[in-house]
Protein backbone atom coordinates (compact mmCIF):
# COMPACT_ATOMS: atom_id res chain seq x y z
CA MET A 1 5.92 -49.32 -83.35
CA SER A 2 5.88 -45.86 -81.72
CA ASN A 3 8.93 -44.60 -80.06
CA VAL A 4 8.11 -44.62 -75.89
CA SER A 5 10.49 -42.35 -74.65
CA LEU A 6 12.42 -43.03 -71.44
CA PRO A 7 12.52 -40.66 -68.40
CA ASP A 8 15.99 -39.31 -68.37
CA PRO A 9 17.60 -40.08 -64.89
CA ALA A 10 19.01 -36.76 -64.39
CA GLN A 11 15.33 -35.02 -64.60
CA ALA A 12 13.65 -37.53 -62.27
CA LYS A 13 15.42 -35.97 -59.49
CA GLU A 14 13.27 -33.93 -57.09
CA THR A 15 12.20 -30.05 -58.17
CA PRO A 16 12.09 -27.66 -55.42
CA ALA A 17 8.41 -27.72 -55.57
CA ASP A 18 8.47 -31.37 -54.67
CA ALA A 19 11.29 -30.75 -51.72
CA PRO A 20 10.15 -30.65 -48.25
CA HIS A 21 8.77 -27.81 -46.39
CA VAL A 22 11.93 -27.72 -44.13
CA GLN A 23 11.36 -24.12 -43.70
CA PRO A 24 8.21 -23.67 -42.40
CA ALA A 25 8.64 -26.59 -39.63
CA ARG A 26 11.63 -24.56 -38.32
CA LYS A 27 9.57 -21.43 -38.42
CA THR A 28 7.02 -23.46 -36.02
CA PHE A 29 9.77 -24.83 -33.73
CA ALA A 30 10.90 -21.18 -33.28
CA THR A 31 7.52 -20.34 -32.32
CA TYR A 32 6.68 -22.90 -30.02
CA CYS A 33 10.20 -22.02 -28.08
CA LEU A 34 9.23 -18.15 -28.10
CA VAL A 35 6.12 -19.19 -26.85
CA LEU A 36 7.46 -21.45 -24.17
CA ALA A 37 10.05 -18.36 -23.23
CA LEU A 38 6.95 -15.96 -22.98
CA VAL A 39 4.49 -17.89 -20.75
CA PRO A 40 6.88 -17.57 -17.66
CA VAL A 41 7.11 -13.63 -18.56
CA ILE A 42 3.34 -13.00 -18.79
CA ALA A 43 2.79 -14.84 -16.00
CA VAL A 44 4.70 -12.68 -13.65
CA THR A 45 3.75 -9.79 -15.18
CA ALA A 46 0.38 -10.81 -14.69
CA SER A 47 0.95 -11.74 -10.89
CA PHE A 48 2.56 -8.01 -10.46
CA PHE A 49 -0.41 -6.34 -11.74
CA ILE A 50 -2.69 -8.58 -9.59
CA ALA A 51 -0.48 -8.29 -6.36
CA ARG A 52 -0.65 -4.20 -7.13
CA SER A 53 -4.79 -3.93 -6.78
CA ASP A 54 -6.69 -3.70 -3.99
CA TRP A 55 -8.88 -6.51 -4.98
CA TYR A 56 -6.42 -9.07 -4.40
CA LEU A 57 -5.95 -7.75 -0.71
CA ARG A 58 -9.47 -8.04 -0.58
CA HIS A 59 -9.90 -11.40 -0.94
CA GLN A 60 -6.88 -12.76 0.45
CA ARG A 61 -7.41 -15.69 2.81
CA ASN A 62 -3.93 -14.96 4.92
CA SER A 63 -4.90 -12.44 7.83
CA TYR A 64 -1.11 -10.65 7.58
CA LEU A 65 -1.47 -9.90 3.85
CA ALA A 66 -4.44 -8.92 3.87
CA ILE A 67 -3.96 -6.16 6.54
CA SER A 68 -0.34 -5.57 5.20
CA ASP A 69 -1.43 -1.81 4.20
CA PHE A 70 -2.11 -0.83 7.34
CA PRO A 71 0.64 1.33 7.96
CA PHE A 72 0.62 2.82 4.08
CA THR A 73 -3.23 4.08 4.75
CA LEU A 74 -2.21 6.40 7.70
CA ARG A 75 -2.18 9.87 6.91
CA ASN A 76 -2.03 12.75 8.67
CA GLN A 77 -2.68 10.79 12.02
CA ARG A 78 -1.47 12.02 15.49
CA CYS A 79 0.22 9.02 17.08
CA GLU A 80 2.00 10.43 20.06
CA VAL A 81 3.40 6.60 20.37
CA LEU A 82 4.34 5.05 17.58
CA ILE A 83 4.91 0.95 17.94
CA PHE A 84 7.31 -0.89 15.44
CA GLY A 85 9.11 -4.00 15.18
CA ASP A 86 8.57 -7.53 14.26
CA SER A 87 5.94 -9.58 14.78
CA SER A 88 6.46 -9.80 18.64
CA ALA A 89 5.73 -6.36 18.19
CA LEU A 90 2.90 -6.67 15.76
CA THR A 91 0.87 -9.24 18.24
CA GLY A 92 2.56 -8.16 21.78
CA ILE A 93 1.79 -4.45 22.11
CA SER A 94 -1.59 -3.03 22.49
CA PRO A 95 -2.08 0.15 21.78
CA PRO A 96 -5.63 0.41 23.77
CA VAL A 97 -3.40 -0.59 27.18
CA ILE A 98 -1.11 2.02 25.99
CA THR A 99 -3.44 4.70 25.66
CA THR A 100 -5.15 3.75 28.52
CA ALA A 101 -2.05 3.77 30.59
CA THR A 102 -0.62 7.29 29.35
CA GLY A 103 -3.15 8.98 27.74
CA LEU A 104 -0.94 9.14 24.48
CA PRO A 105 -2.93 8.41 21.10
CA THR A 106 -1.06 4.75 20.08
CA CYS A 107 -0.59 3.50 16.90
CA ASN A 108 0.75 0.09 15.93
CA ILE A 109 2.42 -0.67 12.81
CA ALA A 110 4.80 -3.55 13.49
CA GLN A 111 5.36 -5.99 10.45
CA PRO A 112 6.00 -10.07 10.80
CA ASN A 113 9.66 -10.70 10.30
CA THR A 114 9.32 -12.14 6.70
CA ALA A 115 8.26 -8.81 5.76
CA LEU A 116 11.39 -7.06 7.68
CA ALA A 117 13.66 -9.13 6.03
CA ILE A 118 13.17 -7.62 2.40
CA ALA A 119 11.45 -4.47 3.03
CA GLY A 120 13.38 -3.18 6.12
CA THR A 121 12.11 -0.16 8.16
CA LEU A 122 10.06 0.76 5.04
CA ALA A 123 6.41 0.81 6.49
CA LEU A 124 7.97 3.18 9.56
CA ASP A 125 9.87 5.35 7.05
CA SER A 126 6.50 6.03 5.06
CA TYR A 127 4.57 6.61 8.26
CA LEU A 128 7.04 9.36 9.05
CA ALA A 129 6.93 10.64 5.83
CA ASN A 130 3.27 11.39 5.64
CA ASN A 131 2.24 12.14 9.75
CA PRO A 132 3.43 13.92 12.61
CA HIS A 133 6.30 12.61 14.59
CA PRO A 134 5.41 11.01 17.68
CA LYS A 135 6.79 12.01 20.91
CA PHE A 136 7.76 7.86 21.92
CA LEU A 137 8.80 5.47 19.30
CA VAL A 138 8.81 1.94 20.62
CA LEU A 139 10.83 -0.54 18.58
CA GLN A 140 10.69 -4.20 19.59
CA PHE A 141 12.26 -6.81 18.34
CA THR A 142 12.75 -10.81 19.55
CA ALA A 143 15.96 -11.33 20.97
CA PRO A 144 17.34 -13.32 17.71
CA ASP A 145 16.37 -10.15 15.63
CA PHE A 146 18.83 -8.09 17.22
CA SER A 147 21.43 -9.52 14.88
CA GLY A 148 20.04 -7.01 12.26
CA PRO A 149 19.01 -7.93 8.72
CA GLU A 150 20.78 -10.66 7.01
CA PRO A 151 22.75 -10.03 3.69
CA HIS A 152 20.89 -13.07 1.71
CA VAL A 153 17.19 -13.86 2.58
CA GLU A 154 14.73 -15.74 0.42
CA LEU A 155 12.43 -13.45 -1.41
CA ASN A 156 9.34 -14.45 0.75
CA GLU A 157 5.86 -13.53 -0.45
CA GLU A 158 5.30 -10.69 2.59
CA GLY A 159 8.24 -8.98 1.88
CA ALA A 160 7.89 -9.01 -2.13
CA LEU A 161 4.20 -7.90 -1.79
CA GLN A 162 5.32 -4.94 0.40
CA LEU A 163 8.03 -3.92 -1.86
CA LEU A 164 5.99 -4.37 -5.11
CA ARG A 165 2.80 -2.26 -3.48
CA HIS A 166 4.78 0.16 -2.48
CA LYS A 167 8.42 0.70 -3.65
CA PRO A 168 7.98 -0.21 -7.42
CA ASP A 169 11.42 1.62 -8.15
CA ALA A 170 14.16 0.34 -10.18
CA ALA A 171 16.12 -1.11 -7.40
CA THR A 172 12.68 -3.43 -6.69
CA PHE A 173 12.18 -4.86 -9.77
CA GLU A 174 16.69 -5.30 -9.92
CA LEU A 175 16.15 -7.33 -7.04
CA PHE A 176 13.16 -9.49 -8.97
CA ALA A 177 15.21 -9.37 -12.21
CA THR A 178 18.39 -11.06 -10.27
CA ARG A 179 16.39 -13.56 -8.42
CA PRO A 180 14.32 -15.32 -11.38
CA LEU A 181 13.91 -18.48 -9.51
CA GLU A 182 12.20 -16.90 -6.76
CA THR A 183 10.55 -14.35 -8.87
CA LEU A 184 8.87 -17.27 -10.37
CA GLN A 185 7.36 -18.90 -7.01
CA PHE A 186 6.22 -15.55 -6.17
CA SER A 187 4.74 -15.12 -8.92
CA GLU A 188 3.14 -18.67 -8.95
CA TYR A 189 2.06 -17.79 -5.02
CA ILE A 190 0.20 -14.86 -6.40
CA LEU A 191 -1.69 -16.81 -8.87
CA GLN A 192 -2.70 -19.20 -6.78
CA THR A 193 -3.86 -17.17 -3.73
CA ALA A 194 -6.00 -14.93 -6.52
CA LEU A 195 -7.22 -16.83 -8.93
CA VAL A 196 -7.55 -20.62 -6.67
CA ASP A 197 -7.05 -20.01 -3.09
CA ARG A 198 -8.87 -16.80 -2.66
CA ASP A 199 -11.74 -15.54 -0.20
CA TRP A 200 -14.35 -15.12 -2.96
CA HIS A 201 -16.27 -13.00 -0.42
CA GLY A 202 -13.36 -11.37 1.49
CA ALA A 203 -14.78 -12.24 4.81
CA THR A 204 -10.92 -12.69 5.75
CA TYR A 205 -9.83 -9.49 5.06
CA GLN A 206 -13.06 -7.50 6.29
CA ARG A 207 -12.75 -9.63 9.44
CA ALA A 208 -8.88 -8.61 9.87
CA TRP A 209 -9.25 -4.77 9.00
CA GLN A 210 -11.92 -4.32 11.57
CA GLY A 211 -9.61 -6.16 13.94
CA ILE A 212 -6.66 -3.78 13.33
CA GLN A 213 -8.66 -0.59 13.11
CA SER A 214 -10.12 -0.94 16.26
CA THR A 215 -7.00 -1.88 17.90
CA HIS A 216 -5.02 0.66 16.23
CA GLY A 217 -2.73 -1.86 14.64
CA LEU A 218 -2.55 -4.63 17.18
CA LEU A 219 -3.10 -8.42 15.48
CA SER A 220 -4.23 -10.89 17.67
CA ALA A 221 -2.85 -14.39 16.38
CA PRO A 222 -5.39 -17.19 16.36
CA GLY A 223 -5.09 -19.90 19.27
CA ALA A 224 -4.89 -21.28 22.52
CA GLY A 225 -1.74 -20.61 24.75
CA LEU A 226 1.29 -22.75 23.80
CA GLN A 227 1.75 -25.49 26.86
CA ASN A 228 5.52 -25.90 26.84
CA CYS A 229 8.24 -24.80 24.51
CA GLN A 230 8.10 -25.84 21.07
CA SER A 231 12.04 -25.67 20.03
CA ASP A 232 14.66 -23.52 21.37
CA ILE A 233 15.18 -20.06 20.01
CA ALA A 234 18.29 -19.77 17.80
CA LYS A 235 21.08 -18.41 19.04
CA LYS A 236 22.33 -15.33 17.17
CA GLU A 237 25.06 -12.70 18.02
CA PRO A 238 23.71 -8.72 18.20
CA ASP A 239 24.92 -6.56 15.96
CA PRO A 240 25.53 -3.18 18.00
CA ALA A 241 26.06 -1.11 14.92
CA TRP A 242 22.86 -1.79 13.40
CA ILE A 243 20.93 -0.83 16.70
CA SER A 244 23.27 2.06 16.84
CA SER A 245 22.03 3.29 13.14
CA LEU A 246 18.72 2.80 14.31
CA ARG A 247 19.25 5.03 17.18
CA SER A 248 21.04 7.72 14.87
CA LYS A 249 18.12 7.58 12.11
CA TYR A 250 15.10 7.62 14.56
CA GLU A 251 16.21 9.69 17.64
CA THR A 252 15.23 13.37 17.38
CA PRO A 253 14.67 16.10 19.61
CA GLY A 254 10.92 15.79 19.49
CA THR A 255 10.90 11.83 19.59
CA ARG A 256 12.24 9.73 22.23
CA LEU A 257 13.16 6.34 20.89
CA LEU A 258 12.82 3.22 23.02
CA ILE A 259 14.44 -0.06 21.65
CA TYR A 260 12.95 -3.13 23.40
CA VAL A 261 13.20 -6.89 23.46
CA ALA A 262 10.43 -9.39 23.21
CA PRO A 263 9.54 -11.08 26.36
CA TYR A 264 11.04 -14.72 26.41
CA PRO A 265 9.57 -17.75 27.44
CA ALA A 266 10.52 -19.00 30.36
CA CYS A 267 11.14 -22.56 29.39
CA ASP A 268 13.62 -21.60 26.70
CA PRO A 269 16.84 -22.48 27.63
CA SER A 270 18.74 -19.71 25.94
CA HIS A 271 17.15 -16.82 28.02
CA GLY A 272 21.05 -16.56 29.87
CA TYR A 273 22.77 -16.07 26.32
CA TYR A 274 20.81 -13.07 25.32
CA ALA A 275 19.96 -11.68 28.88
CA GLN A 276 23.63 -10.92 28.84
CA ARG A 277 24.60 -10.23 25.33
CA LEU A 278 21.73 -7.32 25.06
CA ALA A 279 22.44 -5.98 28.35
CA GLY A 280 23.10 -2.24 27.42
CA LEU A 281 21.95 -2.60 23.63
CA ALA A 282 17.99 -2.74 24.41
CA ASP A 283 16.57 -0.42 26.95
CA ASN A 284 14.99 -3.11 28.97
CA SER A 285 16.03 -6.26 30.45
CA ILE A 286 14.49 -9.54 28.71
CA GLU A 287 11.37 -10.31 30.83
CA LEU A 288 10.38 -14.23 31.58
CA TYR A 289 7.10 -15.05 30.45
CA ASP A 290 5.07 -18.27 31.25
CA ILE A 291 4.88 -20.01 27.84
CA GLY A 292 1.24 -19.94 27.97
CA LEU A 293 1.40 -16.20 27.07
CA PHE A 294 2.89 -17.12 23.89
CA ASN A 295 0.34 -18.92 21.21
CA GLU A 296 3.54 -19.34 18.50
CA LYS A 297 7.50 -19.14 19.77
CA ASN A 298 7.05 -15.10 18.68
CA HIS A 299 3.38 -14.62 18.65
CA PHE A 300 1.25 -13.47 21.89
CA THR A 301 -1.53 -14.21 23.43
CA LEU A 302 -4.01 -11.68 24.06
CA GLU A 303 -3.13 -11.67 28.04
CA GLY A 304 0.29 -11.73 26.94
CA ALA A 305 0.22 -8.64 24.75
CA ARG A 306 -2.05 -6.42 27.53
CA LYS A 307 1.00 -7.71 29.95
CA ASN A 308 4.14 -6.59 28.25
CA SER A 309 2.10 -3.64 27.01
CA GLN A 310 1.56 -2.47 30.58
CA HIS A 311 5.28 -2.50 31.19
CA ILE A 312 5.92 -0.61 27.99
CA ALA A 313 3.26 1.95 29.01
CA ASP A 314 4.86 2.19 32.86
CA ASP A 315 8.34 3.03 30.76
CA ILE A 316 6.84 5.77 28.76
CA VAL A 317 5.29 7.56 31.78
CA ARG A 318 8.80 7.55 33.75
CA ASN A 319 10.23 8.69 30.49
CA ALA A 320 7.99 11.49 30.37
CA PHE A 321 8.11 12.46 33.70
CA GLU A 322 11.52 12.68 33.44
CA ALA A 323 11.51 14.67 30.44
CA ALA A 324 9.46 17.29 31.99
CA ALA A 325 11.55 17.64 35.29
CA SER A 326 14.50 18.05 32.86
CA GLN A 327 12.72 20.81 31.41
CA THR A 328 11.70 22.23 34.86
CA LYS A 329 15.33 22.17 35.96
CA ARG A 330 16.54 24.01 32.63
CA ASP A 331 13.72 26.76 32.58
CA GLU A 332 14.63 27.71 36.69
């Protein structure tokens, strides 16, 4: 009989060549995790590039975003009356009405409340840096906005977009970096409105820009006048220090600063609260307007804007007359 050699149990163990491929599997898992981690980084980076492009604004369905660059496009403009403030000024102060009443070229560079909450006076400061200073600077805010900027506000689309397009510095990117979840939400909004919900033909952009250029900055919000007060206006304590800081920053020998509180719906019960607290802070008293002159809580109809603008124009004429009379007296 031939000798049959039995396998040695010691040699029956798996050789390294036969061992499971553990290392490649670990590499695959690590690569998968890296890809997952990079997806939001790539999305945010891509959205930032898209948001900074003119193409993005030209295909906007949101009229506010479509015309958000208007103050930053003005160069060497002679606006002797300059309007700034929140959406009550954007929709409620008409440059053509003021120009007709005063003979002074007027521009409106007011911003929505959401942009002011994040970007502050960036649009105003940019205008003053690139254009001759006005004779009259009119700031108008709704009564609650006299409380000044809030320390912690949501990173909303209008404000974030303005910073990204016109102040892409270390402070802006630090703001995004310290709010990762809100930055991701902003990124998602940009990608959604750019790639899915965009205005393919750019009709909104063209219509909004034609309107804003023809009125020198007045944005007429669509919609009929309200029938009744939708809800009570929030009660906030005004901040005298913030109002004082605006006067110190923008009142100059060549520029007369007027700070107005926007007209108030007559049906809102908080009028008395603000009338008492804003006396002496604002350069006007709160006027009561019929609710039909508003088409949103802080937005005016065209008729409401004309009425408000005429009152402001009358104040400008009176201030100009007083200044001229004072100068004549000094010259005598």
